[in-house]
Amino acid sequence: MQVWVHWQEQKAIILWQGGEDEETQIASMALARKELVLGRDTVKSEEEINGSSYLITESAWHDIVNDCARKGQPFTISPFSINNA
């Protein structure tokens, strides 16, 4: 399984492999293969991509986000802290 995840707070879309259970799903998010942040990895036009393998147009980014909103399933990861003790 491979799906796009829209991380609203970070203005990012993440290409995610998923997982069998909730623990695996959350852990696999850290290993996602592609993350596209609006404004960092987006450009206004196709010409600005200029052969890049990591840039997409802003309109393509918004198309993916809109598709997530229409067809996707909400998935919430609760805030957590890392204990380094």
N, C-alpha and C. Protein backbone atom coordinates (compact mmCIF):
# COMPACT_ATOMS: atom_id res chain seq x y z
N MET A 1 0.85 -1.17 0.00
CA MET A 1 0.00 0.00 0.00
C MET A 1 0.89 1.24 0.00
N GLN A 2 0.53 2.21 -0.79
CA GLN A 2 1.25 3.47 -0.85
C GLN A 2 0.22 4.58 -1.00
N VAL A 3 0.21 5.54 -0.08
CA VAL A 3 -0.78 6.61 -0.10
C VAL A 3 -0.12 7.94 0.22
N TRP A 4 -0.79 9.01 -0.18
CA TRP A 4 -0.35 10.34 0.23
C TRP A 4 -1.04 10.70 1.54
N VAL A 5 -0.28 11.29 2.45
CA VAL A 5 -0.80 11.76 3.73
C VAL A 5 -0.64 13.28 3.74
N HIS A 6 -1.69 13.98 4.13
CA HIS A 6 -1.62 15.44 4.24
C HIS A 6 -1.41 15.79 5.71
N TRP A 7 -0.26 16.36 6.01
CA TRP A 7 0.06 16.81 7.37
C TRP A 7 -0.22 18.31 7.39
N GLN A 8 -1.41 18.66 7.85
CA GLN A 8 -1.89 20.03 7.77
C GLN A 8 -0.99 21.03 8.48
N GLU A 9 -0.59 20.70 9.69
CA GLU A 9 0.18 21.65 10.50
C GLU A 9 1.53 22.00 9.87
N GLN A 10 2.12 21.09 9.14
CA GLN A 10 3.43 21.33 8.51
C GLN A 10 3.32 21.72 7.04
N LYS A 11 2.09 21.82 6.53
CA LYS A 11 1.86 22.11 5.11
C LYS A 11 2.68 21.15 4.25
N ALA A 12 2.56 19.87 4.58
CA ALA A 12 3.34 18.84 3.89
C ALA A 12 2.43 17.71 3.41
N ILE A 13 2.84 17.09 2.31
CA ILE A 13 2.24 15.83 1.89
C ILE A 13 3.36 14.80 1.91
N ILE A 14 3.03 13.61 2.39
CA ILE A 14 4.03 12.57 2.61
C ILE A 14 3.59 11.31 1.89
N LEU A 15 4.48 10.74 1.09
CA LEU A 15 4.21 9.47 0.43
C LEU A 15 4.55 8.36 1.42
N TRP A 16 3.52 7.63 1.84
CA TRP A 16 3.62 6.72 2.99
C TRP A 16 3.29 5.30 2.59
N GLN A 17 4.04 4.35 3.14
CA GLN A 17 3.86 2.93 2.84
C GLN A 17 2.79 2.25 3.70
N GLY A 18 2.38 2.87 4.79
CA GLY A 18 1.36 2.27 5.65
C GLY A 18 1.92 1.19 6.54
N GLY A 19 1.05 0.36 7.08
CA GLY A 19 1.45 -0.71 7.97
C GLY A 19 0.26 -1.55 8.38
N GLU A 20 0.54 -2.70 8.96
CA GLU A 20 -0.51 -3.64 9.35
C GLU A 20 -1.29 -3.21 10.58
N ASP A 21 -0.62 -2.59 11.54
CA ASP A 21 -1.29 -2.18 12.78
C ASP A 21 -0.89 -0.74 13.10
N GLU A 22 -1.54 -0.17 14.11
CA GLU A 22 -1.32 1.24 14.43
C GLU A 22 0.14 1.54 14.78
N GLU A 23 0.78 0.68 15.54
CA GLU A 23 2.17 0.90 15.93
C GLU A 23 3.09 0.93 14.70
N THR A 24 2.89 -0.01 13.81
CA THR A 24 3.68 -0.06 12.58
C THR A 24 3.39 1.14 11.69
N GLN A 25 2.14 1.54 11.63
CA GLN A 25 1.76 2.70 10.83
C GLN A 25 2.48 3.95 11.30
N ILE A 26 2.47 4.18 12.60
CA ILE A 26 3.12 5.37 13.15
C ILE A 26 4.62 5.31 12.93
N ALA A 27 5.23 4.17 13.19
CA ALA A 27 6.68 4.02 13.00
C ALA A 27 7.06 4.21 11.54
N SER A 28 6.25 3.71 10.62
CA SER A 28 6.59 3.81 9.21
C SER A 28 6.50 5.23 8.68
N MET A 29 5.77 6.10 9.38
CA MET A 29 5.68 7.50 8.96
C MET A 29 7.07 8.15 8.99
N ALA A 30 7.89 7.78 9.97
CA ALA A 30 9.24 8.33 10.07
C ALA A 30 10.13 7.87 8.92
N LEU A 31 9.76 6.77 8.28
CA LEU A 31 10.56 6.22 7.19
C LEU A 31 9.98 6.55 5.82
N ALA A 32 9.04 7.47 5.78
CA ALA A 32 8.39 7.82 4.52
C ALA A 32 9.43 8.23 3.48
N ARG A 33 9.20 7.80 2.25
CA ARG A 33 10.18 8.01 1.18
C ARG A 33 10.17 9.41 0.59
N LYS A 34 9.05 10.10 0.65
CA LYS A 34 8.98 11.39 0.00
C LYS A 34 8.09 12.33 0.79
N GLU A 35 8.59 13.52 1.06
CA GLU A 35 7.82 14.56 1.75
C GLU A 35 7.93 15.83 0.92
N LEU A 36 6.79 16.43 0.60
CA LEU A 36 6.76 17.66 -0.19
C LEU A 36 6.09 18.75 0.63
N VAL A 37 6.85 19.79 0.94
CA VAL A 37 6.35 20.89 1.75
C VAL A 37 5.98 22.05 0.83
N LEU A 38 4.78 22.59 1.04
CA LEU A 38 4.32 23.72 0.25
C LEU A 38 5.26 24.90 0.47
N GLY A 39 5.77 25.46 -0.62
CA GLY A 39 6.69 26.60 -0.53
C GLY A 39 8.15 26.19 -0.57
N ARG A 40 8.48 25.02 -0.09
CA ARG A 40 9.86 24.53 -0.13
C ARG A 40 10.09 23.63 -1.35
N ASP A 41 9.13 22.76 -1.61
CA ASP A 41 9.27 21.76 -2.68
C ASP A 41 8.29 22.00 -3.82
N THR A 42 7.69 23.19 -3.86
CA THR A 42 6.72 23.50 -4.89
C THR A 42 7.15 24.74 -5.66
N VAL A 43 6.74 24.78 -6.92
CA VAL A 43 7.01 25.92 -7.79
C VAL A 43 5.72 26.31 -8.50
N LYS A 44 5.70 27.49 -9.07
CA LYS A 44 4.48 28.00 -9.72
C LYS A 44 4.17 27.30 -11.04
N SER A 45 5.21 26.95 -11.82
CA SER A 45 4.95 26.43 -13.16
C SER A 45 5.78 25.19 -13.46
N GLU A 46 5.34 24.43 -14.47
CA GLU A 46 6.06 23.24 -14.93
C GLU A 46 7.48 23.60 -15.37
N GLU A 47 7.63 24.77 -16.00
CA GLU A 47 8.95 25.19 -16.48
C GLU A 47 9.96 25.31 -15.35
N GLU A 48 9.50 25.73 -14.17
CA GLU A 48 10.41 25.90 -13.03
C GLU A 48 10.90 24.56 -12.46
N ILE A 49 10.23 23.48 -12.78
CA ILE A 49 10.67 22.16 -12.32
C ILE A 49 12.02 21.83 -12.96
N ASN A 50 12.17 22.14 -14.25
CA ASN A 50 13.45 22.05 -14.94
C ASN A 50 14.17 20.72 -14.72
N GLY A 51 13.44 19.61 -14.81
CA GLY A 51 14.06 18.29 -14.69
C GLY A 51 14.25 17.79 -13.27
N SER A 52 13.85 18.56 -12.29
CA SER A 52 14.02 18.15 -10.89
C SER A 52 13.15 16.94 -10.57
N SER A 53 13.67 16.05 -9.76
CA SER A 53 12.89 14.87 -9.35
C SER A 53 12.17 15.08 -8.03
N TYR A 54 12.38 16.24 -7.39
CA TYR A 54 11.74 16.45 -6.10
C TYR A 54 10.78 17.64 -6.06
N LEU A 55 10.73 18.45 -7.10
CA LEU A 55 9.80 19.58 -7.13
C LEU A 55 8.50 19.20 -7.84
N ILE A 56 7.40 19.80 -7.39
CA ILE A 56 6.13 19.70 -8.10
C ILE A 56 5.51 21.09 -8.14
N THR A 57 4.52 21.27 -8.99
CA THR A 57 3.86 22.57 -9.04
C THR A 57 2.94 22.73 -7.83
N GLU A 58 2.70 23.98 -7.47
CA GLU A 58 1.77 24.26 -6.37
C GLU A 58 0.39 23.70 -6.68
N SER A 59 -0.02 23.79 -7.95
CA SER A 59 -1.36 23.26 -8.29
C SER A 59 -1.41 21.75 -8.13
N ALA A 60 -0.33 21.04 -8.47
CA ALA A 60 -0.30 19.58 -8.27
C ALA A 60 -0.34 19.25 -6.78
N TRP A 61 0.38 20.03 -5.98
CA TRP A 61 0.38 19.83 -4.52
C TRP A 61 -1.04 19.99 -3.98
N HIS A 62 -1.72 21.06 -4.40
CA HIS A 62 -3.09 21.30 -3.94
C HIS A 62 -4.05 20.23 -4.46
N ASP A 63 -3.83 19.71 -5.66
CA ASP A 63 -4.66 18.62 -6.18
C ASP A 63 -4.57 17.39 -5.28
N ILE A 64 -3.36 17.06 -4.83
CA ILE A 64 -3.17 15.91 -3.94
C ILE A 64 -3.87 16.15 -2.61
N VAL A 65 -3.71 17.35 -2.05
CA VAL A 65 -4.36 17.70 -0.77
C VAL A 65 -5.88 17.61 -0.91
N ASN A 66 -6.42 18.14 -1.99
CA ASN A 66 -7.87 18.08 -2.20
C ASN A 66 -8.35 16.65 -2.36
N ASP A 67 -7.55 15.81 -3.03
CA ASP A 67 -7.90 14.40 -3.17
C ASP A 67 -7.90 13.71 -1.80
N CYS A 68 -6.93 14.05 -0.96
CA CYS A 68 -6.90 13.50 0.41
C CYS A 68 -8.17 13.88 1.17
N ALA A 69 -8.59 15.14 1.03
CA ALA A 69 -9.77 15.62 1.75
C ALA A 69 -11.04 14.91 1.24
N ARG A 70 -11.12 14.68 -0.06
CA ARG A 70 -12.32 14.06 -0.65
C ARG A 70 -12.40 12.57 -0.40
N LYS A 71 -11.27 11.87 -0.54
CA LYS A 71 -11.31 10.41 -0.55
C LYS A 71 -10.60 9.75 0.62
N GLY A 72 -9.85 10.54 1.38
CA GLY A 72 -9.01 9.96 2.42
C GLY A 72 -9.73 9.64 3.71
N GLN A 73 -8.99 9.00 4.60
CA GLN A 73 -9.49 8.67 5.93
C GLN A 73 -8.67 9.43 6.96
N PRO A 74 -9.33 10.07 7.92
CA PRO A 74 -8.58 10.77 8.97
C PRO A 74 -7.71 9.81 9.77
N PHE A 75 -6.52 10.23 10.08
CA PHE A 75 -5.58 9.44 10.88
C PHE A 75 -4.87 10.42 11.80
N THR A 76 -5.08 10.28 13.09
CA THR A 76 -4.51 11.21 14.06
C THR A 76 -3.40 10.54 14.84
N ILE A 77 -2.27 11.22 14.92
CA ILE A 77 -1.17 10.78 15.77
C ILE A 77 -1.12 11.77 16.93
N SER A 78 -1.36 11.28 18.12
CA SER A 78 -1.37 12.15 19.30
C SER A 78 0.03 12.65 19.59
N PRO A 79 0.14 13.87 20.14
CA PRO A 79 1.46 14.39 20.53
C PRO A 79 2.12 13.45 21.53
N PHE A 80 3.43 13.36 21.43
CA PHE A 80 4.17 12.51 22.35
C PHE A 80 5.51 13.17 22.64
N SER A 81 6.13 12.75 23.70
CA SER A 81 7.47 13.25 24.03
C SER A 81 8.43 12.08 24.04
N ILE A 82 9.68 12.38 23.76
CA ILE A 82 10.71 11.35 23.74
C ILE A 82 11.46 11.43 25.05
N ASN A 83 11.53 10.30 25.73
CA ASN A 83 12.23 10.23 27.01
C ASN A 83 13.63 9.70 26.74
N ASN A 84 14.63 10.55 26.89
CA ASN A 84 16.02 10.16 26.64
C ASN A 84 16.73 9.69 27.89
N ALA A 85 16.01 9.48 28.96
CA ALA A 85 16.64 9.07 30.23
C ALA A 85 17.06 7.63 30.21
